[in-house]
Amino acid sequence: MIKDELINKCTTESEKETALFFDRLGLKCVDLGFKIYDSKNNVTGEIDGIFLDEENEVILIYDESKQQKKSNDKITKFFTKWSNQNNEAKIFETLPNLAFYPIHILYINKVQNRDETDLSSIEYLLKSNTSILHKDDFEYFLHLSENIGKWTKNDLYNLIDVFPPQQRIEIDATQIYIGNTPAYIFADRPDKILKYSYVSRRRDQDEGYQRMVDIKRVKEIKTNLEEGKIEGFPNSVLLNSTIKLNPEPYTKSQCPKQVKISIPNHYSSCRIVDGQHRILSFSLLDNITQTKFSLPIVLIDNMSISDEIKMFLDINNNAKSVDTNLEYELISKLNWENTSKNSLIKTAVRVVKELEKKNPLKGNIYRGIVGDTKKEKITLLSIVNSMIKNKFIDYSGGLFQIEANQNDTKTPASFIQTSLVEINKSSKQKDYFFSNRGIELTFNYLAEIIDYEESEKEKLEEVIKLKTVELISIVDDKNEELRKFQGAQGNKEALDLVLKHLEKKVDA
């Protein structure tokens, strides 16, 4: 816990939030609001926070910012200032009890997401001991730390390339094959597995995946372990190494074979394919309790991401059902026959990703991944299904696609965006429109009126805009009544109500 005299040095709630985040990771707070001075007592350098990780023999220093303008200039000054050996020396001079461990310099941009920044002008500053956390990165790790505490550090260190002092772990194992990929069977303690395995997914910053963490389920398993109701887990945790473990494995005919393997002791060097909740339950137990257990593991040797995703879907379709939102997300990463429904799902998900690049859908789609919360978001499932049902995309080119081109995503995204932008600009009922019910009504309505119009696609954007204005007028006027409609039947009744009032306006 951070001492009061240190936390009180934070000048903003944002600075306090960041300091408490690093405290939850199990790091020791050395100083906050640190400053160095020249001979005339003028401030020549500032650091928002200094934290020590004794286990990994590293010191983290950081500057956090909510300033959007000239952020690259601020990053340049901070990295340049504290990469200077003379300024680094002043840190140790000012804090004489601080161990002489390597310093990792971290800049936290709390305003811009990773895909909103252009770092090309400062790439030369990004070295092994300098890292940038963007708004979406920090929010992801902050959310994770509130659920699994200090184990979030492993995922953070994987992103910023902080490595444990011991670089490799040697283990006795039995080699087998899963399909054509070598795999290794062994057992290990939960605390060690937590270090070298992904327990979650960092949005699109890596190719790993996991379904949404069910914290209630994790806590139930943890309680059962503490109370002795669960003595262990006979089913293996399934991992996939992100790098090749053995360049010359034994052949299938020679297996099963007793071998020694060296697991890279990098944080999060293996992805969890199955067993996430078991592993996470141990993260809530104290270290002594963790050492009392061993878990069986099947470690796959660098299976391709497409095969790994297929295995994940197979496992979860035959056991605990995977969140369909996440299933759609994973389907979009694989190749499918053009005549299959999955190919349409893939195209629709890609259209949604185009829409998410801009407001109003930016940050408003729930995908069922770790760190994602439903709140009032539109689910990927609902928007994709509505897009397919209304044939905005189709096998031989949909209503909003370039003729006979199923893979066209930019054209339908552009047409849909025209309607969404108009709604965002003009409607008084945005919360209704940007919900599952609202998206369903909008898509059903557009499909209906475009069918009536039989417009050429060159004029379609103009038609969509005009008809959306009419829809906004009706929804704003009849919103109280529309909000009563629920479910599939309610969606039909909502469309009937809108079309009925549209006819009245035309007749008038």
Protein backbone atom coordinates (compact mmCIF):
# COMPACT_ATOMS: atom_id res chain seq x y z
CA MET A 1 0.00 0.00 0.00
CA ILE A 2 1.26 3.47 -0.86
CA LYS A 3 1.99 5.69 2.14
CA ASP A 4 -0.30 8.69 2.63
CA GLU A 5 2.56 11.18 2.42
CA LEU A 6 3.37 9.86 -1.06
CA ILE A 7 -0.16 9.53 -2.46
CA ASN A 8 -0.90 13.07 -1.26
CA LYS A 9 1.81 14.33 -3.65
CA CYS A 10 -0.50 13.49 -6.58
CA THR A 11 -1.93 16.75 -7.94
CA THR A 12 -4.81 15.19 -9.94
CA GLU A 13 -7.20 12.25 -9.63
CA SER A 14 -5.66 10.85 -12.81
CA GLU A 15 -2.19 10.78 -11.21
CA LYS A 16 -3.65 9.04 -8.15
CA GLU A 17 -5.42 6.48 -10.37
CA THR A 18 -2.13 5.64 -12.11
CA ALA A 19 -0.19 5.34 -8.85
CA LEU A 20 -2.80 3.01 -7.34
CA PHE A 21 -2.74 0.94 -10.54
CA PHE A 22 0.98 0.22 -10.18
CA ASP A 23 0.44 -0.46 -6.48
CA ARG A 24 -2.12 -3.16 -7.39
CA LEU A 25 0.54 -4.80 -9.55
CA GLY A 26 2.56 -5.45 -6.40
CA LEU A 27 5.25 -2.85 -7.14
CA LYS A 28 6.81 -0.77 -4.37
CA CYS A 29 6.14 2.97 -4.61
CA VAL A 30 9.48 4.75 -4.19
CA ASP A 31 8.31 8.29 -4.96
CA LEU A 32 5.54 10.29 -6.64
CA GLY A 33 5.90 13.79 -8.10
CA PHE A 34 9.68 13.32 -8.17
CA LYS A 35 11.79 16.35 -9.21
CA ILE A 36 15.44 17.18 -9.79
CA TYR A 37 16.91 20.66 -9.45
CA ASP A 38 19.87 22.66 -10.74
CA SER A 39 22.35 24.62 -8.61
CA LYS A 40 19.91 27.56 -8.44
CA ASN A 41 17.11 25.33 -7.16
CA ASN A 42 15.20 25.45 -10.45
CA VAL A 43 13.27 22.31 -11.44
CA THR A 44 15.06 20.64 -14.36
CA GLY A 45 13.17 17.36 -14.54
CA GLU A 46 9.97 15.74 -13.27
CA ILE A 47 8.70 12.16 -12.98
CA ASP A 48 5.10 11.39 -12.03
CA GLY A 49 5.98 8.07 -10.42
CA ILE A 50 8.90 5.78 -9.53
CA PHE A 51 8.11 2.15 -8.69
CA LEU A 52 10.46 -0.71 -7.80
CA ASP A 53 10.01 -4.37 -8.78
CA GLU A 54 12.48 -6.24 -6.59
CA GLU A 55 11.51 -9.66 -7.93
CA ASN A 56 12.44 -8.73 -11.49
CA GLU A 57 15.18 -6.26 -10.58
CA VAL A 58 13.73 -3.36 -12.55
CA ILE A 59 12.64 0.21 -11.78
CA LEU A 60 9.67 1.74 -13.62
CA ILE A 61 9.53 5.51 -14.01
CA TYR A 62 6.59 7.10 -15.79
CA ASP A 63 4.99 10.30 -16.94
CA GLU A 64 1.25 10.32 -17.52
CA SER A 65 -0.56 12.86 -19.66
CA LYS A 66 -4.09 13.86 -20.61
CA GLN A 67 -2.71 16.41 -23.06
CA GLN A 68 -3.62 15.68 -26.68
CA LYS A 69 -1.79 18.52 -28.44
CA LYS A 70 1.89 17.99 -29.19
CA SER A 71 1.95 14.65 -27.35
CA ASN A 72 4.94 13.51 -29.43
CA ASP A 73 6.89 16.57 -28.28
CA LYS A 74 6.18 15.68 -24.67
CA ILE A 75 7.17 12.06 -25.23
CA THR A 76 10.41 13.17 -26.90
CA LYS A 77 11.32 15.45 -23.98
CA PHE A 78 10.52 12.82 -21.33
CA PHE A 79 12.40 9.97 -23.03
CA THR A 80 15.37 12.18 -23.91
CA LYS A 81 15.57 13.67 -20.41
CA TRP A 82 15.59 10.38 -18.54
CA SER A 83 17.65 8.38 -21.03
CA ASN A 84 20.47 10.80 -20.27
CA GLN A 85 22.98 9.13 -17.95
CA ASN A 86 23.57 12.28 -15.89
CA ASN A 87 19.85 12.67 -15.17
CA GLU A 88 19.54 8.96 -14.39
CA ALA A 89 22.41 9.33 -11.91
CA LYS A 90 20.50 12.14 -10.17
CA ILE A 91 17.62 9.74 -9.49
CA PHE A 92 19.92 7.45 -7.51
CA GLU A 93 21.65 10.41 -5.82
CA THR A 94 18.32 11.85 -4.67
CA LEU A 95 17.03 8.43 -3.59
CA PRO A 96 20.10 6.83 -1.95
CA ASN A 97 18.18 3.76 -0.72
CA LEU A 98 17.04 2.84 -4.23
CA ALA A 99 18.69 -0.34 -5.57
CA PHE A 100 20.81 0.12 -8.71
CA TYR A 101 18.52 -1.84 -11.02
CA PRO A 102 17.91 -1.02 -14.70
CA ILE A 103 15.33 1.72 -15.31
CA HIS A 104 12.42 1.26 -17.72
CA ILE A 105 10.95 4.57 -18.92
CA LEU A 106 7.19 4.58 -19.52
CA TYR A 107 5.00 7.29 -21.04
CA ILE A 108 1.23 6.92 -20.47
CA ASN A 109 -0.94 8.70 -23.03
CA LYS A 110 -4.42 8.76 -21.45
CA VAL A 111 -6.06 10.70 -24.27
CA GLN A 112 -5.33 8.86 -27.53
CA ASN A 113 -5.86 5.22 -28.47
CA ARG A 114 -3.07 3.33 -30.17
CA ASP A 115 -4.66 3.55 -33.63
CA GLU A 116 -5.11 7.31 -33.28
CA THR A 117 -1.43 8.14 -32.90
CA ASP A 118 1.39 8.56 -35.39
CA LEU A 119 4.70 7.65 -33.77
CA SER A 120 6.78 7.64 -36.96
CA SER A 121 8.64 10.82 -35.94
CA ILE A 122 9.74 9.37 -32.59
CA GLU A 123 10.39 5.72 -33.46
CA TYR A 124 14.11 6.28 -32.85
CA LEU A 125 13.30 6.85 -29.16
CA LEU A 126 11.50 3.50 -28.73
CA LYS A 127 14.24 1.26 -27.39
CA SER A 128 14.36 -1.78 -25.13
CA ASN A 129 13.94 0.41 -22.03
CA THR A 130 11.31 2.88 -23.32
CA SER A 131 7.61 2.17 -23.86
CA ILE A 132 4.35 4.01 -24.52
CA LEU A 133 0.99 2.97 -23.08
CA HIS A 134 -1.95 4.46 -24.96
CA LYS A 135 -5.44 5.16 -23.63
CA ASP A 136 -6.87 1.80 -24.73
CA ASP A 137 -3.81 -0.06 -23.39
CA PHE A 138 -4.05 1.62 -19.98
CA GLU A 139 -7.81 1.12 -19.70
CA TYR A 140 -7.38 -2.56 -20.53
CA PHE A 141 -4.68 -3.09 -17.88
CA LEU A 142 -6.56 -0.96 -15.33
CA HIS A 143 -9.68 -3.11 -15.76
CA LEU A 144 -7.64 -6.30 -15.52
CA SER A 145 -5.83 -5.13 -12.36
CA GLU A 146 -9.17 -4.53 -10.66
CA ASN A 147 -10.06 -8.20 -11.25
CA ILE A 148 -6.83 -10.20 -10.95
CA GLY A 149 -4.53 -7.75 -9.16
CA LYS A 150 -0.78 -8.32 -9.32
CA TRP A 151 -1.00 -10.93 -12.09
CA THR A 152 -1.83 -8.11 -14.50
CA LYS A 153 1.86 -7.25 -14.29
CA ASN A 154 2.76 -10.32 -16.36
CA ASP A 155 0.61 -9.19 -19.27
CA LEU A 156 1.93 -5.61 -18.99
CA TYR A 157 5.54 -6.81 -18.96
CA ASN A 158 4.88 -8.90 -22.05
CA LEU A 159 3.77 -5.73 -23.88
CA ILE A 160 6.64 -3.49 -22.75
CA ASP A 161 9.35 -6.19 -22.93
CA VAL A 162 10.40 -6.51 -19.30
CA PHE A 163 11.90 -9.96 -18.79
CA PRO A 164 12.48 -12.07 -15.65
CA PRO A 165 16.13 -12.47 -14.55
CA GLN A 166 15.96 -16.23 -15.21
CA GLN A 167 15.48 -16.57 -18.97
CA ARG A 168 14.50 -20.24 -19.38
CA ILE A 169 12.74 -22.96 -17.38
CA GLU A 170 13.74 -26.60 -18.06
CA ILE A 171 11.00 -29.19 -17.57
CA ASP A 172 10.71 -32.98 -17.88
CA ALA A 173 7.83 -33.78 -20.23
CA THR A 174 6.32 -36.39 -22.52
CA GLN A 175 6.18 -35.51 -26.21
CA ILE A 176 3.01 -36.40 -28.14
CA TYR A 177 1.29 -35.04 -31.26
CA ILE A 178 -1.98 -33.14 -31.63
CA GLY A 179 -2.75 -33.45 -35.31
CA ASN A 180 0.58 -32.71 -36.97
CA THR A 181 1.81 -30.38 -34.23
CA PRO A 182 4.16 -31.60 -31.46
CA ALA A 183 2.88 -31.13 -27.91
CA TYR A 184 4.27 -31.79 -24.44
CA ILE A 185 2.57 -33.17 -21.33
CA PHE A 186 3.81 -32.15 -17.87
CA ALA A 187 2.62 -30.57 -14.61
CA ASP A 188 3.52 -27.26 -12.99
CA ARG A 189 2.57 -25.01 -10.09
CA PRO A 190 -0.13 -22.36 -10.70
CA ASP A 191 2.16 -19.46 -9.75
CA LYS A 192 4.65 -20.51 -12.44
CA ILE A 193 1.95 -21.09 -15.07
CA LEU A 194 0.61 -17.59 -14.38
CA LYS A 195 4.00 -16.13 -15.25
CA TYR A 196 4.51 -17.71 -18.64
CA SER A 197 0.88 -17.84 -19.83
CA TYR A 198 -1.56 -15.33 -21.25
CA VAL A 199 -4.55 -15.16 -18.97
CA SER A 200 -6.39 -12.81 -21.30
CA ARG A 201 -6.37 -10.89 -24.54
CA ARG A 202 -5.05 -7.39 -25.10
CA ARG A 203 -7.57 -6.26 -27.74
CA ASP A 204 -5.88 -6.39 -31.14
CA GLN A 205 -2.33 -5.95 -29.85
CA ASP A 206 -1.70 -9.70 -30.08
CA GLU A 207 -3.22 -12.75 -31.71
CA GLY A 208 -4.25 -14.40 -28.48
CA TYR A 209 -7.88 -14.66 -27.46
CA GLN A 210 -10.07 -15.77 -24.64
CA ARG A 211 -13.72 -15.59 -23.86
CA MET A 212 -14.91 -12.94 -21.42
CA VAL A 213 -13.73 -13.59 -17.86
CA ASP A 214 -16.58 -14.70 -15.60
CA ILE A 215 -15.27 -13.19 -12.36
CA LYS A 216 -18.11 -14.75 -10.36
CA ARG A 217 -17.10 -18.19 -11.60
CA VAL A 218 -13.42 -17.49 -10.86
CA LYS A 219 -14.24 -16.47 -7.28
CA GLU A 220 -16.44 -19.55 -6.77
CA ILE A 221 -13.55 -21.83 -7.83
CA LYS A 222 -11.18 -19.88 -5.55
CA THR A 223 -13.54 -20.29 -2.56
CA ASN A 224 -13.93 -24.02 -3.23
CA LEU A 225 -10.14 -24.39 -3.36
CA GLU A 226 -9.72 -22.54 -0.05
CA GLU A 227 -12.43 -24.61 1.65
CA GLY A 228 -11.01 -27.88 0.35
CA LYS A 229 -14.09 -28.67 -1.74
CA ILE A 230 -11.82 -28.97 -4.78
CA GLU A 231 -8.60 -30.91 -4.26
CA GLY A 232 -7.32 -30.44 -7.80
CA PHE A 233 -8.19 -30.50 -11.49
CA PRO A 234 -7.81 -33.75 -13.45
CA ASN A 235 -8.38 -32.03 -16.81
CA SER A 236 -5.32 -30.52 -18.44
CA VAL A 237 -4.80 -26.83 -19.03
CA LEU A 238 -4.22 -26.43 -22.78
CA LEU A 239 -1.49 -23.95 -23.76
CA ASN A 240 0.08 -22.95 -27.07
CA SER A 241 3.65 -21.62 -27.10
CA THR A 242 4.06 -18.41 -29.11
CA ILE A 243 7.57 -19.45 -30.17
CA LYS A 244 9.02 -22.76 -31.36
CA LEU A 245 10.12 -24.88 -28.40
CA ASN A 246 11.93 -27.65 -30.24
CA PRO A 247 13.26 -27.23 -33.79
CA GLU A 248 13.87 -31.01 -34.08
CA PRO A 249 11.01 -32.85 -32.34
CA TYR A 250 10.71 -36.62 -32.33
CA THR A 251 8.58 -38.11 -35.11
CA LYS A 252 5.07 -39.47 -34.54
CA SER A 253 6.36 -43.04 -34.73
CA GLN A 254 8.77 -42.33 -31.85
CA CYS A 255 6.10 -40.89 -29.56
CA PRO A 256 5.15 -40.85 -26.76
CA LYS A 257 8.71 -39.91 -25.78
CA GLN A 258 10.23 -38.68 -22.52
CA VAL A 259 12.06 -35.39 -23.21
CA LYS A 260 13.40 -32.25 -21.58
CA ILE A 261 12.00 -28.96 -22.88
CA SER A 262 13.00 -25.38 -22.14
CA ILE A 263 10.09 -22.99 -21.76
CA PRO A 264 11.00 -19.36 -22.41
CA ASN A 265 10.57 -17.62 -19.05
CA HIS A 266 9.10 -14.56 -20.78
CA TYR A 267 5.94 -13.18 -19.31
CA SER A 268 2.93 -14.45 -21.25
CA SER A 269 4.95 -16.53 -23.71
CA CYS A 270 2.17 -19.14 -23.93
CA ARG A 271 -1.49 -18.57 -24.78
CA ILE A 272 -4.21 -20.34 -22.82
CA VAL A 273 -6.44 -22.24 -25.25
CA ASP A 274 -8.52 -23.85 -22.50
CA GLY A 275 -8.44 -23.52 -18.71
CA GLN A 276 -8.47 -19.75 -18.22
CA HIS A 277 -10.88 -19.75 -15.27
CA ARG A 278 -8.94 -22.46 -13.44
CA ILE A 279 -5.72 -20.48 -13.80
CA LEU A 280 -7.35 -17.19 -12.81
CA SER A 281 -8.87 -18.73 -9.68
CA PHE A 282 -5.35 -19.40 -8.39
CA SER A 283 -4.39 -15.76 -9.00
CA LEU A 284 -6.75 -14.84 -6.14
CA LEU A 285 -5.05 -17.21 -3.67
CA ASP A 286 -2.02 -16.38 -1.56
CA ASN A 287 1.40 -17.65 -2.65
CA ILE A 288 1.63 -20.38 0.00
CA THR A 289 -1.73 -21.88 -1.02
CA GLN A 290 -0.72 -21.78 -4.69
CA THR A 291 2.38 -23.88 -4.01
CA LYS A 292 0.20 -26.70 -2.65
CA PHE A 293 -1.22 -27.45 -6.10
CA SER A 294 0.08 -28.80 -9.39
CA LEU A 295 -1.89 -28.63 -12.62
CA PRO A 296 -1.60 -31.01 -15.58
CA ILE A 297 -0.65 -29.19 -18.78
CA VAL A 298 -0.66 -29.97 -22.49
CA LEU A 299 1.66 -27.45 -24.15
CA ILE A 300 1.34 -27.29 -27.94
CA ASP A 301 4.50 -26.32 -29.79
CA ASN A 302 3.65 -23.14 -31.73
CA MET A 303 0.44 -24.28 -33.46
CA SER A 304 -0.75 -21.86 -36.18
CA ILE A 305 -3.24 -19.25 -34.97
CA SER A 306 -5.95 -20.49 -37.37
CA ASP A 307 -5.67 -24.09 -36.09
CA GLU A 308 -5.60 -22.79 -32.52
CA ILE A 309 -8.81 -20.81 -33.02
CA LYS A 310 -10.53 -23.84 -34.59
CA MET A 311 -9.46 -25.95 -31.61
CA PHE A 312 -10.75 -23.31 -29.19
CA LEU A 313 -14.14 -23.23 -30.94
CA ASP A 314 -14.34 -27.05 -31.06
CA ILE A 315 -13.56 -27.37 -27.35
CA ASN A 316 -16.05 -24.74 -26.27
CA ASN A 317 -18.82 -25.81 -28.64
CA ASN A 318 -18.59 -29.29 -27.12
CA ALA A 319 -18.35 -28.05 -23.54
CA LYS A 320 -19.19 -24.65 -22.04
CA SER A 321 -20.61 -22.54 -24.84
CA VAL A 322 -18.39 -19.71 -26.00
CA ASP A 323 -19.91 -16.22 -26.11
CA THR A 324 -21.33 -15.89 -29.63
CA ASN A 325 -19.93 -12.36 -29.88
CA LEU A 326 -16.43 -13.76 -29.37
CA GLU A 327 -17.22 -16.66 -31.71
CA TYR A 328 -18.07 -14.18 -34.50
CA GLU A 329 -14.85 -12.29 -33.79
CA LEU A 330 -12.83 -15.50 -34.16
CA ILE A 331 -14.73 -16.61 -37.27
CA SER A 332 -13.64 -13.35 -38.92
CA LYS A 333 -9.99 -14.39 -38.54
CA LEU A 334 -10.34 -17.63 -40.54
CA ASN A 335 -10.83 -18.45 -44.23
CA TRP A 336 -14.17 -19.96 -45.33
CA GLU A 337 -15.85 -21.18 -48.49
CA ASN A 338 -17.74 -18.30 -50.13
CA THR A 339 -20.97 -20.31 -49.98
CA SER A 340 -20.85 -20.82 -46.19
CA LYS A 341 -22.67 -18.70 -43.61
CA ASN A 342 -19.36 -18.17 -41.81
CA SER A 343 -18.05 -16.32 -44.86
CA LEU A 344 -20.94 -13.84 -44.52
CA ILE A 345 -20.28 -13.50 -40.79
CA LYS A 346 -16.63 -12.77 -41.56
CA THR A 347 -17.58 -10.06 -44.09
CA ALA A 348 -20.11 -8.51 -41.70
CA VAL A 349 -17.58 -8.39 -38.84
CA ARG A 350 -15.13 -6.66 -41.18
CA VAL A 351 -17.84 -4.10 -42.05
CA VAL A 352 -18.34 -3.47 -38.32
CA LYS A 353 -14.60 -2.93 -37.91
CA GLU A 354 -14.75 -0.30 -40.65
CA LEU A 355 -17.63 1.40 -38.82
CA GLU A 356 -15.74 1.31 -35.53
CA LYS A 357 -12.95 3.46 -36.93
CA LYS A 358 -15.20 6.53 -36.63
CA ASN A 359 -17.93 7.90 -34.40
CA PRO A 360 -20.66 7.14 -33.46
CA LEU A 361 -19.86 3.39 -33.21
CA LYS A 362 -16.25 3.86 -32.14
CA GLY A 363 -15.86 2.12 -28.78
CA ASN A 364 -19.55 1.16 -28.76
CA ILE A 365 -19.42 -2.49 -29.89
CA TYR A 366 -19.33 -5.39 -27.42
CA ARG A 367 -17.26 -8.35 -28.68
CA GLY A 368 -17.15 -10.64 -25.63
CA ILE A 369 -13.39 -10.36 -25.19
CA VAL A 370 -11.48 -9.88 -21.95
CA GLY A 371 -11.61 -6.31 -20.73
CA ASP A 372 -14.83 -5.64 -22.66
CA THR A 373 -18.00 -4.71 -20.79
CA LYS A 374 -21.52 -4.74 -22.21
CA LYS A 375 -23.00 -1.75 -20.39
CA GLU A 376 -25.10 -0.02 -23.07
CA LYS A 377 -23.04 -1.24 -26.02
CA ILE A 378 -24.35 -2.74 -29.24
CA THR A 379 -23.39 -6.41 -29.41
CA LEU A 380 -21.38 -7.67 -32.36
CA LEU A 381 -23.89 -10.53 -32.60
CA SER A 382 -26.91 -8.25 -33.09
CA ILE A 383 -25.39 -5.87 -35.65
CA VAL A 384 -23.86 -8.72 -37.71
CA ASN A 385 -27.07 -10.78 -37.71
CA SER A 386 -29.15 -7.76 -38.68
CA MET A 387 -26.77 -6.89 -41.50
CA ILE A 388 -26.97 -10.44 -42.90
CA LYS A 389 -30.75 -10.82 -42.39
CA ASN A 390 -31.44 -7.59 -44.26
CA LYS A 391 -29.02 -8.62 -47.03
CA PHE A 392 -26.84 -5.52 -46.76
CA ILE A 393 -24.18 -8.10 -47.63
CA ASP A 394 -24.86 -11.35 -49.47
CA TYR A 395 -23.16 -14.24 -51.26
CA SER A 396 -23.28 -12.57 -54.68
CA GLY A 397 -23.22 -8.98 -53.49
CA GLY A 398 -25.79 -7.45 -51.17
CA LEU A 399 -28.02 -4.42 -51.12
CA PHE A 400 -25.14 -2.19 -50.00
CA GLN A 401 -22.31 -3.94 -51.88
CA ILE A 402 -20.67 -3.44 -55.23
CA GLU A 403 -22.45 -5.84 -57.57
CA ALA A 404 -21.50 -9.53 -57.22
CA ASN A 405 -18.69 -8.81 -54.74
CA GLN A 406 -19.34 -10.59 -51.46
CA ASN A 407 -16.03 -9.40 -49.99
CA ASP A 408 -16.79 -5.70 -50.44
CA THR A 409 -16.77 -4.12 -46.95
CA LYS A 410 -15.97 -0.46 -47.56
CA THR A 411 -19.10 0.29 -49.64
CA PRO A 412 -21.64 -1.11 -47.12
CA ALA A 413 -19.71 0.54 -44.28
CA SER A 414 -19.93 3.87 -46.10
CA PHE A 415 -23.69 3.59 -46.69
CA ILE A 416 -24.40 2.52 -43.10
CA GLN A 417 -22.16 5.29 -41.78
CA THR A 418 -24.23 7.86 -43.74
CA SER A 419 -27.30 6.87 -41.73
CA LEU A 420 -25.49 6.64 -38.38
CA VAL A 421 -23.86 10.05 -38.77
CA GLU A 422 -27.23 11.66 -39.54
CA ILE A 423 -28.74 10.01 -36.45
CA ASN A 424 -25.83 11.13 -34.27
CA LYS A 425 -26.17 14.68 -35.58
CA SER A 426 -29.94 15.15 -35.45
CA SER A 427 -31.72 12.70 -33.14
CA LYS A 428 -32.81 13.50 -29.59
CA GLN A 429 -32.98 9.75 -28.86
CA LYS A 430 -29.37 8.67 -29.51
CA ASP A 431 -29.38 6.21 -26.60
CA TYR A 432 -32.26 4.33 -28.26
CA PHE A 433 -30.80 4.44 -31.76
CA PHE A 434 -27.36 3.23 -30.61
CA SER A 435 -28.68 0.13 -28.84
CA ASN A 436 -29.43 -3.36 -30.14
CA ARG A 437 -33.10 -2.44 -30.63
CA GLY A 438 -32.27 0.83 -32.34
CA ILE A 439 -29.76 -0.70 -34.75
CA GLU A 440 -32.23 -3.48 -35.58
CA LEU A 441 -34.99 -0.95 -36.31
CA THR A 442 -32.68 1.25 -38.41
CA PHE A 443 -31.40 -1.69 -40.50
CA ASN A 444 -34.90 -3.19 -40.95
CA TYR A 445 -36.22 0.22 -42.00
CA LEU A 446 -33.40 0.90 -44.48
CA ALA A 447 -33.85 -2.53 -46.09
CA GLU A 448 -37.59 -1.93 -46.38
CA ILE A 449 -37.49 1.57 -47.90
CA ILE A 450 -34.57 0.84 -50.23
CA ASP A 451 -36.56 -2.11 -51.54
CA TYR A 452 -39.43 0.31 -52.23
CA GLU A 453 -37.17 2.89 -53.82
CA GLU A 454 -35.34 0.43 -56.11
CA SER A 455 -32.68 3.12 -56.37
CA GLU A 456 -29.51 2.85 -58.35
CA LYS A 457 -26.52 2.58 -56.07
CA GLU A 458 -25.09 5.85 -57.38
CA LYS A 459 -28.07 7.62 -55.75
CA LEU A 460 -28.27 5.37 -52.71
CA GLU A 461 -26.33 7.61 -50.32
CA GLU A 462 -28.74 10.49 -50.96
CA VAL A 463 -31.76 8.19 -50.49
CA ILE A 464 -30.36 6.80 -47.23
CA LYS A 465 -29.76 10.27 -45.83
CA LEU A 466 -33.27 11.52 -46.71
CA LYS A 467 -34.99 8.40 -45.38
CA THR A 468 -32.92 8.47 -42.18
CA VAL A 469 -34.11 12.03 -41.53
CA GLU A 470 -37.71 10.75 -41.80
CA LEU A 471 -36.91 7.86 -39.44
CA ILE A 472 -35.38 10.23 -36.88
CA SER A 473 -38.52 12.37 -36.89
CA ILE A 474 -40.78 9.37 -36.22
CA VAL A 475 -38.53 7.79 -33.56
CA ASP A 476 -38.10 11.08 -31.70
CA ASP A 477 -41.87 11.58 -31.73
CA LYS A 478 -42.90 8.00 -30.87
CA ASN A 479 -39.95 7.00 -28.69
CA GLU A 480 -41.91 6.24 -25.55
CA GLU A 481 -44.06 3.76 -27.45
CA LEU A 482 -41.11 2.24 -29.34
CA ARG A 483 -39.19 1.54 -26.12
CA LYS A 484 -41.96 -0.83 -25.00
CA PHE A 485 -41.23 -3.27 -27.83
CA GLN A 486 -38.94 -6.17 -26.89
CA GLY A 487 -37.55 -9.25 -28.65
CA ALA A 488 -38.08 -10.48 -32.20
CA GLN A 489 -41.82 -9.76 -32.19
CA GLY A 490 -41.13 -6.33 -30.73
CA ASN A 491 -38.67 -5.58 -33.53
CA LYS A 492 -41.38 -6.39 -36.09
CA GLU A 493 -43.94 -4.24 -34.29
CA ALA A 494 -41.48 -1.33 -34.06
CA LEU A 495 -40.93 -1.42 -37.83
CA ASP A 496 -44.69 -1.65 -38.47
CA LEU A 497 -45.24 1.40 -36.27
CA VAL A 498 -42.59 3.42 -38.13
CA LEU A 499 -43.91 2.44 -41.58
CA LYS A 500 -47.48 3.23 -40.53
CA HIS A 501 -46.52 6.76 -39.49
CA LEU A 502 -44.38 7.14 -42.61
CA GLU A 503 -47.45 6.38 -44.75
CA LYS A 504 -49.49 8.96 -42.83
CA LYS A 505 -46.84 11.59 -43.52
CA VAL A 506 -46.80 10.72 -47.22
CA ASP A 507 -50.62 10.84 -47.42
CA ALA A 508 -50.66 14.18 -45.62
